[in-house]
Amino acid sequence: MNRDRTVAALMEQYGRTYAHEAGITLRDTPAPLYQLLVLTVLCSIRISAATAVAAARELFAAGLRTPRAMTGSTWQARVDALGRAHYVRYDESTATALGRGADLLLDRWRGDLRRLRDEADGSPDRVQGLLQEFPRIGPVGARIFCREAQEVWPELRPFFDDRVLRVAADLGLPHSAEGLAGLVGADESARLAAALTRVGLAHGEPSRLLEASGAGAQG
């Protein structure tokens, strides 16, 4: 498959961000950015992405879409929402982490993650460092947030972590962030990163997965 066909197949088959799947209309405004933070917390343990997305949807359906709503909710209400998504084993600790994270966001950045970005001067490394001050979010979680947030935070672009770059190399694509960004529009890096992440998380060799999807014609 030539490079253009590979990218087209990736974007068509897998090119949806996890934020989109969780029902988040991502904008550079406080509420959707916080919802992405919640999704990041949910993804930051060894649990399937599908379960994490379902848990985010349940929390948002319960009205927990802002840090104020989260910190004002009961711990049991958060546990119950997570349980409805079968987010088991980690439901109680995650409910605690979400409450503490909302408190931190309100106290330090007045509920607005754009203030965190400003404190970091837009530096991707510093943004990742500050994100790791939230309970449950470590290096992997910080990378998840930045990978998705680059859709609305141009300062983070292009953001493709090492795991994504390895998948790209296996598919015969450029294995540098700048090289990958050059394959798509400036505002589509998040979708391409999500597509490569999804392929990497699936079982099997990435190139064979694309072939199995019917996108493997040689060009």
Protein backbone atom coordinates (compact mmCIF):
# COMPACT_ATOMS: atom_id res chain seq x y z
CA MET A 1 0.00 0.00 0.00
CA ASN A 2 1.45 3.39 -0.82
CA ARG A 3 1.72 6.11 1.78
CA ASP A 4 -1.34 8.10 0.69
CA ARG A 5 -3.54 5.01 0.68
CA THR A 6 -2.23 3.96 4.09
CA VAL A 7 -3.09 7.33 5.60
CA ALA A 8 -6.51 7.40 3.93
CA ALA A 9 -7.26 3.91 5.25
CA LEU A 10 -6.12 4.84 8.75
CA MET A 11 -8.27 7.94 8.84
CA GLU A 12 -11.32 6.20 7.41
CA GLN A 13 -11.16 3.05 9.54
CA TYR A 14 -9.70 4.32 12.80
CA GLY A 15 -9.50 8.11 12.65
CA ARG A 16 -11.82 9.10 15.46
CA THR A 17 -10.47 10.55 18.66
CA TYR A 18 -11.36 9.01 21.98
CA ALA A 19 -12.81 12.34 23.06
CA HIS A 20 -15.24 12.21 20.14
CA GLU A 21 -16.16 8.63 21.04
CA ALA A 22 -16.86 9.73 24.62
CA GLY A 23 -19.29 12.38 23.38
CA ILE A 24 -16.98 15.31 24.03
CA THR A 25 -17.22 18.17 21.54
CA LEU A 26 -13.69 19.34 22.10
CA ARG A 27 -13.17 23.09 22.15
CA ASP A 28 -10.65 25.39 23.77
CA THR A 29 -13.08 26.18 26.59
CA PRO A 30 -13.12 25.02 30.22
CA ALA A 31 -15.89 22.41 30.22
CA PRO A 32 -14.81 20.21 27.28
CA LEU A 33 -11.16 20.43 28.33
CA TYR A 34 -12.16 19.22 31.78
CA GLN A 35 -14.16 16.39 30.22
CA LEU A 36 -11.02 15.36 28.35
CA LEU A 37 -9.16 15.39 31.67
CA VAL A 38 -11.81 13.07 33.15
CA LEU A 39 -11.44 10.72 30.18
CA THR A 40 -7.68 10.80 30.66
CA VAL A 41 -8.02 9.78 34.31
CA LEU A 42 -10.27 6.91 33.28
CA CYS A 43 -7.79 5.74 30.63
CA SER A 44 -4.82 5.91 32.96
CA ILE A 45 -5.12 2.41 34.36
CA ARG A 46 -4.99 -1.05 32.81
CA ILE A 47 -8.53 -1.14 31.53
CA SER A 48 -9.88 -1.27 28.01
CA ALA A 49 -10.34 1.97 26.13
CA ALA A 50 -13.95 0.98 25.40
CA THR A 51 -14.69 0.65 29.12
CA ALA A 52 -13.01 3.97 29.89
CA VAL A 53 -15.05 5.70 27.18
CA ALA A 54 -18.27 4.12 28.48
CA ALA A 55 -17.42 5.28 32.00
CA ALA A 56 -16.87 8.82 30.78
CA ARG A 57 -20.24 8.77 29.07
CA GLU A 58 -21.92 7.60 32.26
CA LEU A 59 -20.28 10.33 34.33
CA PHE A 60 -21.27 12.99 31.81
CA ALA A 61 -24.83 11.63 31.62
CA ALA A 62 -24.99 12.02 35.40
CA GLY A 63 -24.22 15.72 34.94
CA LEU A 64 -20.56 15.55 35.98
CA ARG A 65 -19.24 17.65 33.13
CA THR A 66 -17.45 20.40 35.06
CA PRO A 67 -15.04 20.38 37.99
CA ARG A 68 -17.63 22.18 40.09
CA ALA A 69 -20.20 19.49 39.38
CA MET A 70 -17.66 16.75 40.06
CA THR A 71 -16.49 18.12 43.38
CA GLY A 72 -20.10 18.79 44.35
CA SER A 73 -21.14 15.20 43.70
CA THR A 74 -21.00 12.44 46.26
CA TRP A 75 -18.33 9.78 46.14
CA GLN A 76 -21.08 7.16 45.91
CA ALA A 77 -22.67 8.87 42.92
CA ARG A 78 -19.35 8.68 41.10
CA VAL A 79 -18.89 5.03 42.06
CA ASP A 80 -22.40 4.25 40.83
CA ALA A 81 -21.80 5.93 37.47
CA LEU A 82 -18.56 4.01 36.99
CA GLY A 83 -20.30 0.80 37.96
CA ARG A 84 -22.95 1.28 35.30
CA ALA A 85 -20.12 1.21 32.74
CA HIS A 86 -18.67 -1.95 34.33
CA TYR A 87 -15.60 0.02 35.33
CA VAL A 88 -14.91 -2.51 38.05
CA ARG A 89 -11.99 -3.07 40.44
CA TYR A 90 -10.96 0.56 40.06
CA ASP A 91 -14.31 2.24 40.62
CA GLU A 92 -13.77 3.33 44.23
CA SER A 93 -10.19 4.59 43.81
CA THR A 94 -11.12 6.36 40.58
CA ALA A 95 -14.12 8.05 42.20
CA THR A 96 -11.72 9.38 44.84
CA ALA A 97 -9.17 10.50 42.22
CA LEU A 98 -11.84 12.35 40.24
CA GLY A 99 -13.00 14.25 43.31
CA ARG A 100 -9.49 15.22 44.34
CA GLY A 101 -8.57 16.18 40.79
CA ALA A 102 -11.58 18.48 40.52
CA ASP A 103 -10.60 20.12 43.81
CA LEU A 104 -7.05 20.67 42.53
CA LEU A 105 -8.23 22.15 39.26
CA LEU A 106 -10.56 24.54 41.04
CA ASP A 107 -8.06 25.57 43.69
CA ARG A 108 -4.97 25.99 41.53
CA TRP A 109 -6.29 26.88 38.07
CA ARG A 110 -9.79 28.15 38.91
CA GLY A 111 -11.38 25.29 37.02
CA ASP A 112 -9.77 26.19 33.70
CA LEU A 113 -7.10 23.99 32.12
CA ARG A 114 -6.15 26.86 29.84
CA ARG A 115 -4.54 28.40 32.91
CA LEU A 116 -2.44 25.26 33.27
CA ARG A 117 -1.37 25.64 29.64
CA ASP A 118 -0.50 29.28 30.27
CA GLU A 119 1.53 28.35 33.34
CA ALA A 120 3.45 25.93 31.12
CA ASP A 121 3.96 28.64 28.47
CA GLY A 122 2.48 26.17 25.99
CA SER A 123 5.50 23.85 26.32
CA PRO A 124 4.37 20.24 25.70
CA ASP A 125 6.89 18.92 28.23
CA ARG A 126 5.78 21.37 30.90
CA VAL A 127 2.10 20.73 30.17
CA GLN A 128 2.75 17.02 30.68
CA GLY A 129 4.57 17.72 33.92
CA LEU A 130 1.72 19.79 35.33
CA LEU A 131 -0.89 17.24 34.28
CA GLN A 132 0.92 14.65 36.37
CA GLU A 133 0.03 16.62 39.49
CA PHE A 134 -3.52 15.31 39.10
CA PRO A 135 -4.28 12.10 40.98
CA ARG A 136 -3.97 8.97 38.84
CA ILE A 137 -2.34 10.76 35.88
CA GLY A 138 1.22 9.65 35.19
CA PRO A 139 3.42 9.95 32.10
CA VAL A 140 1.12 7.74 30.01
CA GLY A 141 -1.98 9.68 31.00
CA ALA A 142 -0.28 13.01 30.31
CA ARG A 143 0.58 11.79 26.83
CA ILE A 144 -3.02 10.66 26.27
CA PHE A 145 -4.29 14.13 27.18
CA CYS A 146 -1.79 15.91 24.92
CA ARG A 147 -2.42 13.54 22.02
CA GLU A 148 -6.11 14.45 22.07
CA ALA A 149 -5.80 18.09 23.16
CA GLN A 150 -3.57 18.96 20.20
CA GLU A 151 -6.81 19.19 18.23
CA VAL A 152 -7.55 22.50 19.99
CA TRP A 153 -4.14 23.40 21.44
CA PRO A 154 -1.87 24.13 18.46
CA GLU A 155 1.05 24.61 20.86
CA LEU A 156 1.15 20.85 21.33
CA ARG A 157 1.34 19.97 17.65
CA PRO A 158 2.59 17.70 16.33
CA PHE A 159 2.14 15.28 19.23
CA PHE A 160 2.91 11.64 18.42
CA ASP A 161 4.41 9.60 21.25
CA ASP A 162 6.97 6.83 20.84
CA ARG A 163 4.33 4.10 20.79
CA VAL A 164 2.51 5.78 17.93
CA LEU A 165 5.76 6.34 16.05
CA ARG A 166 6.56 2.63 16.25
CA VAL A 167 3.19 1.76 14.70
CA ALA A 168 3.79 4.34 11.98
CA ALA A 169 7.18 2.79 11.19
CA ASP A 170 5.61 -0.66 10.92
CA LEU A 171 3.16 0.73 8.37
CA GLY A 172 5.92 2.29 6.31
CA LEU A 173 5.01 5.83 7.35
CA PRO A 174 7.40 8.49 8.60
CA HIS A 175 8.39 7.71 12.16
CA SER A 176 8.98 11.26 13.31
CA ALA A 177 6.30 13.58 14.65
CA GLU A 178 7.05 16.19 12.01
CA GLY A 179 6.98 13.63 9.22
CA LEU A 180 3.60 12.27 10.29
CA ALA A 181 2.13 15.75 10.69
CA GLY A 182 3.08 16.47 7.10
CA LEU A 183 0.76 13.72 5.88
CA VAL A 184 -2.44 15.40 7.11
CA GLY A 185 -3.90 18.83 7.61
CA ALA A 186 -2.69 20.91 10.54
CA ASP A 187 -5.86 20.23 12.51
CA GLU A 188 -5.93 16.49 11.82
CA SER A 189 -2.88 15.38 13.79
CA ALA A 190 -5.07 14.30 16.71
CA ARG A 191 -7.14 12.06 14.45
CA LEU A 192 -4.07 10.47 12.88
CA ALA A 193 -2.51 9.93 16.31
CA ALA A 194 -5.73 8.33 17.53
CA ALA A 195 -5.89 6.10 14.45
CA LEU A 196 -2.35 4.86 14.96
CA THR A 197 -3.07 4.32 18.65
CA ARG A 198 -6.13 2.22 17.85
CA VAL A 199 -4.20 0.12 15.36
CA GLY A 200 -1.40 -0.34 17.87
CA LEU A 201 -3.81 -1.48 20.58
CA ALA A 202 -5.49 -4.01 18.32
CA HIS A 203 -4.19 -7.55 18.14
CA GLY A 204 -2.02 -8.46 15.22
CA GLU A 205 0.54 -6.78 13.01
CA PRO A 206 -0.62 -3.25 12.07
CA SER A 207 -0.07 -3.66 8.33
CA ARG A 208 -2.10 -6.86 8.33
CA LEU A 209 -4.91 -5.18 10.23
CA LEU A 210 -5.24 -2.59 7.47
CA GLU A 211 -5.17 -5.31 4.84
CA ALA A 212 -7.92 -7.19 6.70
CA SER A 213 -10.06 -4.05 6.65
CA GLY A 214 -10.01 -4.11 2.86
CA ALA A 215 -7.60 -1.19 2.63
CA GLY A 216 -4.60 -3.16 1.52
CA ALA A 217 -4.56 -2.58 -2.23
CA GLN A 218 -1.09 -2.02 -3.57
CA GLY A 219 -0.42 1.29 -5.18
